[in-house]
Amino acid sequence: MRRPWLALFGVVALVELVGVALDSTPAQWLAKPLLAPLLLAYLWDRRRRLDPVALGLVAATAGDVALLVPGRAAFLAGMGCFLVTQVAFLTAFLRRRRPPVAAVAGYLLAWAGGNALLWGALGPLRLPMLGYSLALSLMAAAATGVSRRAAAGGAFFLVSDLLIGVGAAGSDFAGRDLLVMTTYAAALLLITTGWVAATAGRPARPPWPAPATQPAL
């Protein structure tokens, strides 16, 4: 019997968003570390085997906990955990299907533009942000080769972390933290469910014809 992991995820995500809106640290410590594990349970319930997406969710859990701790060291630790997440997702997506060239080019342009805008204000975080955001952008591009749902998840992940970068650069606006968590929760949900749906059916086809081979003699 399949368990209601997604319904539980929705409840926990709501608690997290209320905690962010009310600036309630206990609510955030209660809910945020459960987001990725609930999706990991859903992934296991549907696939019954571990894969790089599962590894990415484990790393995301560690990253979520690290980012609940104040301070630059914890922030860098969280970024390192989420770097593992992006590389794991990227590996899974590329094994599934190569993304369209236009998507890769578009996300690389977005990566270059975003870093150019924030570069002067990031200070010591410039190089870590540069490397992490490159992995994130490549993951989002690769997600376009999996499914529309996974592609939307990749885009939401990019928006969420861009908003974190804006905060790290010293800028802020009302509701930024709430928008960060809303887009992040949506990203994890869409990537996980999109991955499950895409890998449940027939094997993926390449996005362009394979090279012709010589007939056997």
C-alpha atoms as a PDB file:
ATOM      1  CA  MET A   1       0.000   0.000   0.000  1.00  0.00           C
ATOM      2  CA  ARG A   2       1.381   3.385  -0.997  1.00  0.00           C
ATOM      3  CA  ARG A   3       1.599   5.869   1.832  1.00  0.00           C
ATOM      4  CA  PRO A   4       0.505   9.517   1.693  1.00  0.00           C
ATOM      5  CA  TRP A   5       4.032  10.959   1.612  1.00  0.00           C
ATOM      6  CA  LEU A   6       3.081  13.872  -0.617  1.00  0.00           C
ATOM      7  CA  ALA A   7       0.180  14.853   1.632  1.00  0.00           C
ATOM      8  CA  LEU A   8       2.527  14.795   4.626  1.00  0.00           C
ATOM      9  CA  PHE A   9       4.999  16.865   2.644  1.00  0.00           C
ATOM     10  CA  GLY A  10       2.273  19.427   1.985  1.00  0.00           C
ATOM     11  CA  VAL A  11       1.449  19.682   5.691  1.00  0.00           C
ATOM     12  CA  VAL A  12       5.091  20.021   6.700  1.00  0.00           C
ATOM     13  CA  ALA A  13       5.734  22.588   3.959  1.00  0.00           C
ATOM     14  CA  LEU A  14       2.792  24.626   5.231  1.00  0.00           C
ATOM     15  CA  VAL A  15       4.162  24.509   8.783  1.00  0.00           C
ATOM     16  CA  GLU A  16       7.543  25.637   7.470  1.00  0.00           C
ATOM     17  CA  LEU A  17       6.051  28.535   5.532  1.00  0.00           C
ATOM     18  CA  VAL A  18       4.018  29.662   8.542  1.00  0.00           C
ATOM     19  CA  GLY A  19       7.173  29.422  10.654  1.00  0.00           C
ATOM     20  CA  VAL A  20       9.056  31.610   8.186  1.00  0.00           C
ATOM     21  CA  ALA A  21       6.209  34.119   7.963  1.00  0.00           C
ATOM     22  CA  LEU A  22       5.990  34.373  11.771  1.00  0.00           C
ATOM     23  CA  ASP A  23       9.779  34.175  12.223  1.00  0.00           C
ATOM     24  CA  SER A  24       9.273  31.155  14.498  1.00  0.00           C
ATOM     25  CA  THR A  25      12.576  29.315  14.947  1.00  0.00           C
ATOM     26  CA  PRO A  26      11.005  26.237  16.648  1.00  0.00           C
ATOM     27  CA  ALA A  27       8.527  25.769  13.791  1.00  0.00           C
ATOM     28  CA  GLN A  28      11.319  25.985  11.230  1.00  0.00           C
ATOM     29  CA  TRP A  29      13.513  23.513  13.122  1.00  0.00           C
ATOM     30  CA  LEU A  30      10.537  21.172  13.339  1.00  0.00           C
ATOM     31  CA  ALA A  31       9.497  21.338   9.696  1.00  0.00           C
ATOM     32  CA  LYS A  32      12.399  22.214   7.425  1.00  0.00           C
ATOM     33  CA  PRO A  33      14.539  19.112   8.139  1.00  0.00           C
ATOM     34  CA  LEU A  34      11.553  16.895   7.221  1.00  0.00           C
ATOM     35  CA  LEU A  35      10.909  18.271   3.725  1.00  0.00           C
ATOM     36  CA  ALA A  36      13.506  16.310   1.764  1.00  0.00           C
ATOM     37  CA  PRO A  37      13.174  13.083   3.851  1.00  0.00           C
ATOM     38  CA  LEU A  38       9.435  12.913   3.106  1.00  0.00           C
ATOM     39  CA  LEU A  39      10.164  13.169  -0.613  1.00  0.00           C
ATOM     40  CA  LEU A  40      12.914  10.575  -0.210  1.00  0.00           C
ATOM     41  CA  ALA A  41      10.333   8.250   1.357  1.00  0.00           C
ATOM     42  CA  TYR A  42       7.997   8.930  -1.575  1.00  0.00           C
ATOM     43  CA  LEU A  43      10.811   8.190  -4.025  1.00  0.00           C
ATOM     44  CA  TRP A  44      11.603   4.906  -2.290  1.00  0.00           C
ATOM     45  CA  ASP A  45       7.916   3.951  -2.116  1.00  0.00           C
ATOM     46  CA  ARG A  46       7.587   4.385  -5.879  1.00  0.00           C
ATOM     47  CA  ARG A  47      10.955   3.111  -7.138  1.00  0.00           C
ATOM     48  CA  ARG A  48      12.210   0.720  -4.432  1.00  0.00           C
ATOM     49  CA  ARG A  49      15.818   1.512  -5.238  1.00  0.00           C
ATOM     50  CA  LEU A  50      18.289   4.262  -4.527  1.00  0.00           C
ATOM     51  CA  ASP A  51      19.643   6.524  -7.264  1.00  0.00           C
ATOM     52  CA  PRO A  52      21.440   9.876  -7.526  1.00  0.00           C
ATOM     53  CA  VAL A  53      18.194  11.779  -6.942  1.00  0.00           C
ATOM     54  CA  ALA A  54      17.869   9.998  -3.594  1.00  0.00           C
ATOM     55  CA  LEU A  55      21.452  10.989  -2.747  1.00  0.00           C
ATOM     56  CA  GLY A  56      20.586  14.563  -3.668  1.00  0.00           C
ATOM     57  CA  LEU A  57      17.659  14.557  -1.244  1.00  0.00           C
ATOM     58  CA  VAL A  58      19.873  13.219   1.555  1.00  0.00           C
ATOM     59  CA  ALA A  59      22.368  16.017   0.912  1.00  0.00           C
ATOM     60  CA  ALA A  60      19.519  18.547   0.813  1.00  0.00           C
ATOM     61  CA  THR A  61      18.439  17.405   4.276  1.00  0.00           C
ATOM     62  CA  ALA A  62      21.924  18.057   5.627  1.00  0.00           C
ATOM     63  CA  GLY A  63      21.976  21.422   3.860  1.00  0.00           C
ATOM     64  CA  ASP A  64      18.627  22.430   5.318  1.00  0.00           C
ATOM     65  CA  VAL A  65      19.858  21.693   8.837  1.00  0.00           C
ATOM     66  CA  ALA A  66      23.104  23.593   8.271  1.00  0.00           C
ATOM     67  CA  LEU A  67      21.269  26.663   6.970  1.00  0.00           C
ATOM     68  CA  LEU A  68      19.132  26.790  10.106  1.00  0.00           C
ATOM     69  CA  VAL A  69      22.300  27.583  12.069  1.00  0.00           C
ATOM     70  CA  PRO A  70      23.359  31.244  11.971  1.00  0.00           C
ATOM     71  CA  GLY A  71      26.833  32.253  10.838  1.00  0.00           C
ATOM     72  CA  ARG A  72      29.042  32.180   7.741  1.00  0.00           C
ATOM     73  CA  ALA A  73      30.593  28.785   8.519  1.00  0.00           C
ATOM     74  CA  ALA A  74      27.162  27.147   8.663  1.00  0.00           C
ATOM     75  CA  PHE A  75      26.153  28.970   5.475  1.00  0.00           C
ATOM     76  CA  LEU A  76      29.202  27.611   3.634  1.00  0.00           C
ATOM     77  CA  ALA A  77      28.545  24.118   5.015  1.00  0.00           C
ATOM     78  CA  GLY A  78      24.984  24.316   3.752  1.00  0.00           C
ATOM     79  CA  MET A  79      26.201  25.478   0.364  1.00  0.00           C
ATOM     80  CA  GLY A  80      28.567  22.500   0.237  1.00  0.00           C
ATOM     81  CA  CYS A  81      25.723  20.103   1.005  1.00  0.00           C
ATOM     82  CA  PHE A  82      23.553  21.627  -1.693  1.00  0.00           C
ATOM     83  CA  LEU A  83      26.456  21.445  -4.129  1.00  0.00           C
ATOM     84  CA  VAL A  84      26.292  17.675  -3.621  1.00  0.00           C
ATOM     85  CA  THR A  85      22.541  17.889  -4.261  1.00  0.00           C
ATOM     86  CA  GLN A  86      23.010  19.729  -7.552  1.00  0.00           C
ATOM     87  CA  VAL A  87      25.739  17.370  -8.775  1.00  0.00           C
ATOM     88  CA  ALA A  88      23.654  14.317  -7.824  1.00  0.00           C
ATOM     89  CA  PHE A  89      20.566  15.650  -9.621  1.00  0.00           C
ATOM     90  CA  LEU A  90      22.689  16.630 -12.615  1.00  0.00           C
ATOM     91  CA  THR A  91      24.183  13.136 -12.819  1.00  0.00           C
ATOM     92  CA  ALA A  92      20.755  11.503 -12.714  1.00  0.00           C
ATOM     93  CA  PHE A  93      19.280  13.814 -15.333  1.00  0.00           C
ATOM     94  CA  LEU A  94      22.165  13.438 -17.773  1.00  0.00           C
ATOM     95  CA  ARG A  95      21.950   9.662 -17.501  1.00  0.00           C
ATOM     96  CA  ARG A  96      18.308   9.946 -18.422  1.00  0.00           C
ATOM     97  CA  ARG A  97      18.568  12.269 -21.409  1.00  0.00           C
ATOM     98  CA  ARG A  98      20.722  15.032 -22.820  1.00  0.00           C
ATOM     99  CA  PRO A  99      19.102  18.462 -22.454  1.00  0.00           C
ATOM    100  CA  PRO A 100      18.403  20.756 -25.426  1.00  0.00           C
ATOM    101  CA  VAL A 101      21.367  22.919 -26.366  1.00  0.00           C
ATOM    102  CA  ALA A 102      19.202  26.055 -26.160  1.00  0.00           C
ATOM    103  CA  ALA A 103      18.353  25.304 -22.524  1.00  0.00           C
ATOM    104  CA  VAL A 104      22.014  24.879 -21.599  1.00  0.00           C
ATOM    105  CA  ALA A 105      22.946  28.115 -23.360  1.00  0.00           C
ATOM    106  CA  GLY A 106      20.076  30.013 -21.727  1.00  0.00           C
ATOM    107  CA  TYR A 107      20.927  28.862 -18.216  1.00  0.00           C
ATOM    108  CA  LEU A 108      24.624  29.608 -18.700  1.00  0.00           C
ATOM    109  CA  LEU A 109      23.720  33.134 -19.779  1.00  0.00           C
ATOM    110  CA  ALA A 110      21.532  33.472 -16.682  1.00  0.00           C
ATOM    111  CA  TRP A 111      24.420  32.194 -14.535  1.00  0.00           C
ATOM    112  CA  ALA A 112      26.831  34.721 -16.003  1.00  0.00           C
ATOM    113  CA  GLY A 113      24.353  37.589 -15.678  1.00  0.00           C
ATOM    114  CA  GLY A 114      23.368  36.777 -12.099  1.00  0.00           C
ATOM    115  CA  ASN A 115      26.967  36.527 -10.937  1.00  0.00           C
ATOM    116  CA  ALA A 116      27.869  39.748 -12.724  1.00  0.00           C
ATOM    117  CA  LEU A 117      25.082  41.604 -10.925  1.00  0.00           C
ATOM    118  CA  LEU A 118      25.949  40.281  -7.456  1.00  0.00           C
ATOM    119  CA  TRP A 119      29.731  40.036  -7.818  1.00  0.00           C
ATOM    120  CA  GLY A 120      30.627  43.374  -6.286  1.00  0.00           C
ATOM    121  CA  ALA A 121      28.522  42.820  -3.161  1.00  0.00           C
ATOM    122  CA  LEU A 122      29.335  39.169  -2.367  1.00  0.00           C
ATOM    123  CA  GLY A 123      32.816  39.764  -0.977  1.00  0.00           C
ATOM    124  CA  PRO A 124      34.444  36.524   0.286  1.00  0.00           C
ATOM    125  CA  LEU A 125      31.459  34.514  -0.961  1.00  0.00           C
ATOM    126  CA  ARG A 126      32.187  35.336  -4.609  1.00  0.00           C
ATOM    127  CA  LEU A 127      34.088  32.191  -5.564  1.00  0.00           C
ATOM    128  CA  PRO A 128      31.911  29.741  -3.572  1.00  0.00           C
ATOM    129  CA  MET A 129      28.814  31.317  -5.108  1.00  0.00           C
ATOM    130  CA  LEU A 130      30.361  31.209  -8.572  1.00  0.00           C
ATOM    131  CA  GLY A 131      31.036  27.468  -8.377  1.00  0.00           C
ATOM    132  CA  TYR A 132      27.789  26.538  -6.671  1.00  0.00           C
ATOM    133  CA  SER A 133      25.631  28.592  -9.017  1.00  0.00           C
ATOM    134  CA  LEU A 134      27.314  26.970 -12.017  1.00  0.00           C
ATOM    135  CA  ALA A 135      26.374  23.500 -10.752  1.00  0.00           C
ATOM    136  CA  LEU A 136      22.851  24.753 -10.003  1.00  0.00           C
ATOM    137  CA  SER A 137      22.447  26.261 -13.474  1.00  0.00           C
ATOM    138  CA  LEU A 138      23.676  23.090 -15.169  1.00  0.00           C
ATOM    139  CA  MET A 139      21.252  21.023 -13.065  1.00  0.00           C
ATOM    140  CA  ALA A 140      18.346  23.264 -14.040  1.00  0.00           C
ATOM    141  CA  ALA A 141      19.346  22.988 -17.698  1.00  0.00           C
ATOM    142  CA  ALA A 142      19.631  19.200 -17.470  1.00  0.00           C
ATOM    143  CA  ALA A 143      16.182  19.004 -15.859  1.00  0.00           C
ATOM    144  CA  THR A 144      14.675  20.270 -19.121  1.00  0.00           C
ATOM    145  CA  GLY A 145      15.656  16.959 -20.703  1.00  0.00           C
ATOM    146  CA  VAL A 146      13.706  14.939 -18.111  1.00  0.00           C
ATOM    147  CA  SER A 147      10.195  16.401 -18.216  1.00  0.00           C
ATOM    148  CA  ARG A 148       8.315  19.691 -18.019  1.00  0.00           C
ATOM    149  CA  ARG A 149       7.635  19.092 -14.347  1.00  0.00           C
ATOM    150  CA  ALA A 150      11.294  18.467 -13.535  1.00  0.00           C
ATOM    151  CA  ALA A 151      12.243  21.483 -15.650  1.00  0.00           C
ATOM    152  CA  ALA A 152       9.884  23.670 -13.613  1.00  0.00           C
ATOM    153  CA  GLY A 153      11.477  22.292 -10.456  1.00  0.00           C
ATOM    154  CA  GLY A 154      14.930  23.171 -11.702  1.00  0.00           C
ATOM    155  CA  ALA A 155      13.803  26.702 -12.522  1.00  0.00           C
ATOM    156  CA  PHE A 156      12.248  27.140  -9.068  1.00  0.00           C
ATOM    157  CA  PHE A 157      15.468  25.905  -7.449  1.00  0.00           C
ATOM    158  CA  LEU A 158      17.423  28.526  -9.378  1.00  0.00           C
ATOM    159  CA  VAL A 159      15.024  31.293  -8.337  1.00  0.00           C
ATOM    160  CA  SER A 160      15.138  30.197  -4.691  1.00  0.00           C
ATOM    161  CA  ASP A 161      18.919  30.199  -4.525  1.00  0.00           C
ATOM    162  CA  LEU A 162      19.148  33.463  -6.471  1.00  0.00           C
ATOM    163  CA  LEU A 163      17.036  35.033  -3.748  1.00  0.00           C
ATOM    164  CA  ILE A 164      19.403  33.580  -1.133  1.00  0.00           C
ATOM    165  CA  GLY A 165      22.271  35.103  -3.086  1.00  0.00           C
ATOM    166  CA  VAL A 166      20.531  38.474  -3.046  1.00  0.00           C
ATOM    167  CA  GLY A 167      20.356  38.251   0.739  1.00  0.00           C
ATOM    168  CA  ALA A 168      24.011  37.181   0.978  1.00  0.00           C
ATOM    169  CA  ALA A 169      24.892  40.258  -1.096  1.00  0.00           C
ATOM    170  CA  GLY A 170      23.337  42.482   1.556  1.00  0.00           C
ATOM    171  CA  SER A 171      20.045  43.256  -0.168  1.00  0.00           C
ATOM    172  CA  ASP A 172      16.645  42.396   1.214  1.00  0.00           C
ATOM    173  CA  PHE A 173      12.960  43.069   0.684  1.00  0.00           C
ATOM    174  CA  ALA A 174       9.739  42.208   2.451  1.00  0.00           C
ATOM    175  CA  GLY A 175       8.754  38.583   2.043  1.00  0.00           C
ATOM    176  CA  ARG A 176      12.095  37.431   0.577  1.00  0.00           C
ATOM    177  CA  ASP A 177      12.562  34.601   3.094  1.00  0.00           C
ATOM    178  CA  LEU A 178       9.016  33.379   2.504  1.00  0.00           C
ATOM    179  CA  LEU A 179       9.556  33.457  -1.251  1.00  0.00           C
ATOM    180  CA  VAL A 180      12.840  31.537  -0.830  1.00  0.00           C
ATOM    181  CA  MET A 181      11.122  28.706   1.022  1.00  0.00           C
ATOM    182  CA  THR A 182       8.051  28.648  -1.222  1.00  0.00           C
ATOM    183  CA  THR A 183      10.130  28.242  -4.367  1.00  0.00           C
ATOM    184  CA  TYR A 184      12.473  25.771  -2.656  1.00  0.00           C
ATOM    185  CA  ALA A 185       9.652  23.503  -1.471  1.00  0.00           C
ATOM    186  CA  ALA A 186       8.069  23.655  -4.925  1.00  0.00           C
ATOM    187  CA  ALA A 187      11.436  22.819  -6.509  1.00  0.00           C
ATOM    188  CA  LEU A 188      11.983  19.697  -4.419  1.00  0.00           C
ATOM    189  CA  LEU A 189       8.415  18.528  -4.981  1.00  0.00           C
ATOM    190  CA  LEU A 190       8.453  19.044  -8.755  1.00  0.00           C
ATOM    191  CA  ILE A 191      11.901  17.534  -9.250  1.00  0.00           C
ATOM    192  CA  THR A 192      11.103  14.428  -7.209  1.00  0.00           C
ATOM    193  CA  THR A 193       7.646  13.768  -8.629  1.00  0.00           C
ATOM    194  CA  GLY A 194       8.821  14.666 -12.120  1.00  0.00           C
ATOM    195  CA  TRP A 195      11.702  12.222 -11.834  1.00  0.00           C
ATOM    196  CA  VAL A 196       9.434   9.435 -10.595  1.00  0.00           C
ATOM    197  CA  ALA A 197       6.933  10.014 -13.416  1.00  0.00           C
ATOM    198  CA  ALA A 198       9.644  10.211 -16.087  1.00  0.00           C
ATOM    199  CA  THR A 199      11.429   7.047 -15.019  1.00  0.00           C
ATOM    200  CA  ALA A 200       8.318   4.940 -14.464  1.00  0.00           C
ATOM    201  CA  GLY A 201       7.664   4.349 -18.158  1.00  0.00           C
ATOM    202  CA  ARG A 202       9.735   3.451 -21.161  1.00  0.00           C
ATOM    203  CA  PRO A 203      13.411   4.434 -21.496  1.00  0.00           C
ATOM    204  CA  ALA A 204      14.086   7.961 -22.640  1.00  0.00           C
ATOM    205  CA  ARG A 205      14.944   8.723 -26.230  1.00  0.00           C
ATOM    206  CA  PRO A 206      17.786  11.094 -27.132  1.00  0.00           C
ATOM    207  CA  PRO A 207      16.644  14.627 -28.023  1.00  0.00           C
ATOM    208  CA  TRP A 208      18.278  14.367 -31.438  1.00  0.00           C
ATOM    209  CA  PRO A 209      18.780  11.395 -33.786  1.00  0.00           C
ATOM    210  CA  ALA A 210      21.637   9.072 -32.950  1.00  0.00           C
ATOM    211  CA  PRO A 211      24.475   8.876 -35.469  1.00  0.00           C
ATOM    212  CA  ALA A 212      23.921   6.398 -38.252  1.00  0.00           C
ATOM    213  CA  THR A 213      25.840   3.144 -37.907  1.00  0.00           C
ATOM    214  CA  GLN A 214      27.236   0.919 -40.564  1.00  0.00           C
ATOM    215  CA  PRO A 215      25.112  -2.190 -41.252  1.00  0.00           C
ATOM    216  CA  ALA A 216      26.574  -5.443 -40.032  1.00  0.00           C
ATOM    217  CA  LEU A 217      28.195  -7.621 -42.645  1.00  0.00           C
END
